[in-house]
C-alpha atoms as a PDB file:
ATOM      1  CA  MET A   1     -69.049-173.782-143.932  1.00  0.00           C
ATOM      2  CA  THR A   2     -72.545-175.119-143.810  1.00  0.00           C
ATOM      3  CA  ASN A   3     -73.534-178.429-142.326  1.00  0.00           C
ATOM      4  CA  GLU A   4     -74.388-180.406-145.476  1.00  0.00           C
ATOM      5  CA  LEU A   5     -74.416-183.898-143.985  1.00  0.00           C
ATOM      6  CA  GLN A   6     -77.898-185.185-143.373  1.00  0.00           C
ATOM      7  CA  THR A   7     -78.923-187.685-140.742  1.00  0.00           C
ATOM      8  CA  ALA A   8     -78.667-191.315-141.854  1.00  0.00           C
ATOM      9  CA  ARG A   9     -81.847-192.573-143.492  1.00  0.00           C
ATOM     10  CA  LEU A  10     -83.292-196.054-143.833  1.00  0.00           C
ATOM     11  CA  LEU A  11     -81.441-196.535-147.131  1.00  0.00           C
ATOM     12  CA  ASP A  12     -78.103-195.895-145.384  1.00  0.00           C
ATOM     13  CA  TYR A  13     -78.882-198.593-142.810  1.00  0.00           C
ATOM     14  CA  ILE A  14     -79.736-201.037-145.607  1.00  0.00           C
ATOM     15  CA  LEU A  15     -76.559-200.234-147.565  1.00  0.00           C
ATOM     16  CA  LEU A  16     -74.244-200.545-144.544  1.00  0.00           C
ATOM     17  CA  PRO A  17     -74.228-204.375-144.275  1.00  0.00           C
ATOM     18  CA  LEU A  18     -74.011-204.595-148.082  1.00  0.00           C
ATOM     19  CA  LYS A  19     -70.696-202.695-147.892  1.00  0.00           C
ATOM     20  CA  ARG A  20     -72.160-199.836-149.936  1.00  0.00           C
ATOM     21  CA  ARG A  21     -71.587-197.616-146.904  1.00  0.00           C
ATOM     22  CA  ARG A  22     -68.706-197.622-144.419  1.00  0.00           C
ATOM     23  CA  ARG A  23     -68.794-196.252-140.907  1.00  0.00           C
ATOM     24  CA  PHE A  24     -66.132-193.874-139.551  1.00  0.00           C
ATOM     25  CA  ARG A  25     -65.719-192.089-136.235  1.00  0.00           C
ATOM     26  CA  VAL A  26     -64.627-188.448-136.308  1.00  0.00           C
ATOM     27  CA  THR A  27     -61.534-187.898-134.160  1.00  0.00           C
ATOM     28  CA  GLY A  28     -60.354-184.440-133.251  1.00  0.00           C
ATOM     29  CA  ALA A  29     -61.568-180.918-133.857  1.00  0.00           C
ATOM     30  CA  SER A  30     -60.339-180.348-137.423  1.00  0.00           C
ATOM     31  CA  MET A  31     -63.824-180.475-138.980  1.00  0.00           C
ATOM     32  CA  LEU A  32     -65.610-178.264-136.449  1.00  0.00           C
ATOM     33  CA  PRO A  33     -68.201-176.842-136.693  1.00  0.00           C
ATOM     34  CA  THR A  34     -69.408-179.283-139.374  1.00  0.00           C
ATOM     35  CA  LEU A  35     -68.419-182.508-137.583  1.00  0.00           C
ATOM     36  CA  ARG A  36     -67.773-183.049-133.888  1.00  0.00           C
ATOM     37  CA  ASP A  37     -65.193-185.279-132.214  1.00  0.00           C
ATOM     38  CA  GLY A  38     -66.713-188.725-131.636  1.00  0.00           C
ATOM     39  CA  GLU A  39     -69.485-188.332-134.206  1.00  0.00           C
ATOM     40  CA  ILE A  40     -70.199-191.363-136.441  1.00  0.00           C
ATOM     41  CA  VAL A  41     -70.412-190.688-140.186  1.00  0.00           C
ATOM     42  CA  LEU A  42     -71.093-192.857-143.233  1.00  0.00           C
ATOM     43  CA  LEU A  43     -68.929-193.019-146.339  1.00  0.00           C
ATOM     44  CA  ASP A  44     -69.955-194.020-149.861  1.00  0.00           C
ATOM     45  CA  PRO A  45     -66.897-195.937-151.159  1.00  0.00           C
ATOM     46  CA  ASN A  46     -68.328-195.974-154.701  1.00  0.00           C
ATOM     47  CA  ALA A  47     -69.093-192.253-154.947  1.00  0.00           C
ATOM     48  CA  TYR A  48     -66.294-191.547-157.412  1.00  0.00           C
ATOM     49  CA  ARG A  49     -66.606-194.484-159.782  1.00  0.00           C
ATOM     50  CA  ARG A  50     -68.559-192.444-162.344  1.00  0.00           C
ATOM     51  CA  GLN A  51     -67.655-188.877-161.492  1.00  0.00           C
ATOM     52  CA  PRO A  52     -64.565-187.254-159.977  1.00  0.00           C
ATOM     53  CA  PRO A  53     -64.492-185.689-156.523  1.00  0.00           C
ATOM     54  CA  ARG A  54     -65.663-182.070-156.418  1.00  0.00           C
ATOM     55  CA  VAL A  55     -64.734-179.009-154.428  1.00  0.00           C
ATOM     56  CA  GLY A  56     -66.942-178.947-151.334  1.00  0.00           C
ATOM     57  CA  ASP A  57     -67.170-182.740-150.916  1.00  0.00           C
ATOM     58  CA  ILE A  58     -66.292-184.083-147.469  1.00  0.00           C
ATOM     59  CA  VAL A  59     -64.139-187.166-147.960  1.00  0.00           C
ATOM     60  CA  VAL A  60     -62.178-189.811-146.117  1.00  0.00           C
ATOM     61  CA  ALA A  61     -58.633-190.090-147.415  1.00  0.00           C
ATOM     62  CA  LYS A  62     -55.489-191.986-146.510  1.00  0.00           C
ATOM     63  CA  HIS A  63     -52.805-189.774-144.983  1.00  0.00           C
ATOM     64  CA  PRO A  64     -50.144-189.442-147.726  1.00  0.00           C
ATOM     65  CA  PHE A  65     -47.242-190.365-145.413  1.00  0.00           C
ATOM     66  CA  GLU A  66     -48.960-192.599-142.845  1.00  0.00           C
ATOM     67  CA  MET A  67     -51.138-194.919-144.924  1.00  0.00           C
ATOM     68  CA  ASP A  68     -52.796-196.517-141.879  1.00  0.00           C
ATOM     69  CA  VAL A  69     -54.111-193.090-140.792  1.00  0.00           C
ATOM     70  CA  LYS A  70     -57.451-191.965-142.248  1.00  0.00           C
ATOM     71  CA  LEU A  71     -58.393-188.288-142.534  1.00  0.00           C
ATOM     72  CA  ILE A  72     -61.845-186.717-142.803  1.00  0.00           C
ATOM     73  CA  LYS A  73     -61.468-183.463-144.739  1.00  0.00           C
ATOM     74  CA  ARG A  74     -63.195-181.201-147.238  1.00  0.00           C
ATOM     75  CA  ILE A  75     -61.950-180.825-150.814  1.00  0.00           C
ATOM     76  CA  THR A  76     -61.142-177.127-151.167  1.00  0.00           C
ATOM     77  CA  ALA A  77     -59.388-177.072-154.559  1.00  0.00           C
ATOM     78  CA  VAL A  78     -58.293-179.224-157.492  1.00  0.00           C
ATOM     79  CA  THR A  79     -54.853-178.625-159.008  1.00  0.00           C
ATOM     80  CA  GLU A  80     -54.211-178.426-162.744  1.00  0.00           C
ATOM     81  CA  ASP A  81     -52.740-181.935-162.654  1.00  0.00           C
ATOM     82  CA  GLY A  82     -55.870-183.338-160.958  1.00  0.00           C
ATOM     83  CA  ARG A  83     -54.696-183.595-157.356  1.00  0.00           C
ATOM     84  CA  PHE A  84     -56.929-182.535-154.473  1.00  0.00           C
ATOM     85  CA  HIS A  85     -56.350-179.988-151.744  1.00  0.00           C
ATOM     86  CA  LEU A  86     -57.903-181.304-148.517  1.00  0.00           C
ATOM     87  CA  GLN A  87     -58.569-179.057-145.563  1.00  0.00           C
ATOM     88  CA  GLY A  88     -60.392-179.181-142.247  1.00  0.00           C
ATOM     89  CA  ASP A  89     -63.333-176.836-141.674  1.00  0.00           C
ATOM     90  CA  ASN A  90     -61.959-175.565-138.361  1.00  0.00           C
ATOM     91  CA  PRO A  91     -60.667-172.031-138.964  1.00  0.00           C
ATOM     92  CA  SER A  92     -57.673-172.728-136.702  1.00  0.00           C
ATOM     93  CA  ALA A  93     -54.904-174.127-138.918  1.00  0.00           C
ATOM     94  CA  LEU A  94     -53.368-175.703-135.809  1.00  0.00           C
ATOM     95  CA  ALA A  95     -56.453-177.898-135.361  1.00  0.00           C
ATOM     96  CA  SER A  96     -56.024-179.703-138.686  1.00  0.00           C
ATOM     97  CA  THR A  97     -53.456-181.915-140.384  1.00  0.00           C
ATOM     98  CA  ASP A  98     -54.266-181.313-144.025  1.00  0.00           C
ATOM     99  CA  SER A  99     -52.949-180.168-147.405  1.00  0.00           C
ATOM    100  CA  ARG A 100     -51.564-177.015-145.803  1.00  0.00           C
ATOM    101  CA  SER A 101     -48.912-179.283-144.268  1.00  0.00           C
ATOM    102  CA  PHE A 102     -48.588-182.182-146.736  1.00  0.00           C
ATOM    103  CA  GLY A 103     -49.749-180.662-150.046  1.00  0.00           C
ATOM    104  CA  PRO A 104     -52.397-181.838-152.524  1.00  0.00           C
ATOM    105  CA  VAL A 105     -53.135-185.572-152.802  1.00  0.00           C
ATOM    106  CA  PRO A 106     -53.944-187.856-155.757  1.00  0.00           C
ATOM    107  CA  GLN A 107     -57.448-189.283-156.145  1.00  0.00           C
ATOM    108  CA  SER A 108     -56.078-192.732-155.276  1.00  0.00           C
ATOM    109  CA  THR A 109     -55.789-191.647-151.619  1.00  0.00           C
ATOM    110  CA  ILE A 110     -59.489-190.707-151.429  1.00  0.00           C
ATOM    111  CA  LEU A 111     -61.575-193.602-150.090  1.00  0.00           C
ATOM    112  CA  GLY A 112     -64.991-192.051-150.728  1.00  0.00           C
ATOM    113  CA  ARG A 113     -67.447-189.260-149.953  1.00  0.00           C
ATOM    114  CA  LEU A 114     -69.309-188.792-146.683  1.00  0.00           C
ATOM    115  CA  THR A 115     -73.052-189.117-147.157  1.00  0.00           C
ATOM    116  CA  SER A 116     -74.613-188.837-143.720  1.00  0.00           C
ATOM    117  CA  ARG A 117     -74.172-188.977-139.967  1.00  0.00           C
ATOM    118  CA  PHE A 118     -75.702-191.203-137.309  1.00  0.00           C
ATOM    119  CA  PRO A 119     -78.169-189.403-135.043  1.00  0.00           C
END
C-alpha cells in the first residue's frame, strides 16, 4: 500500500473548528506502514454525501458490535449488496480487527474519509 495521506494544509486547519474536519488518533499497528500508532489524522465527515465510498479509501468506521469503538481501516472491496469490506494495511492478519473477523459493514457505520495527517 502506498502512503496516500498528505500532511494537513492550511485549509484543514480552517475546516477543523468549523466541524468540516474531525481529528482522530491512530491506535495500534493495524494500518502500518501507512499510519503509525499515535499519529493524528483528519477525517472529512461529509466526504460521502454526494458520492459513495470507494475501494482504496481510508475511513473511520464504527465497530459493528462495539458501537463506541472506532476503527481506521481501508476499504478493500464492495459487496454486491453495497456493504464494505474494511481491512488494515498491516500484512499480519493478527494485527488488525477488521472485516476478516466481523464481515462487511453497511455504509451507515462509516463516519467519513481520512484526508490528511498532522505533521
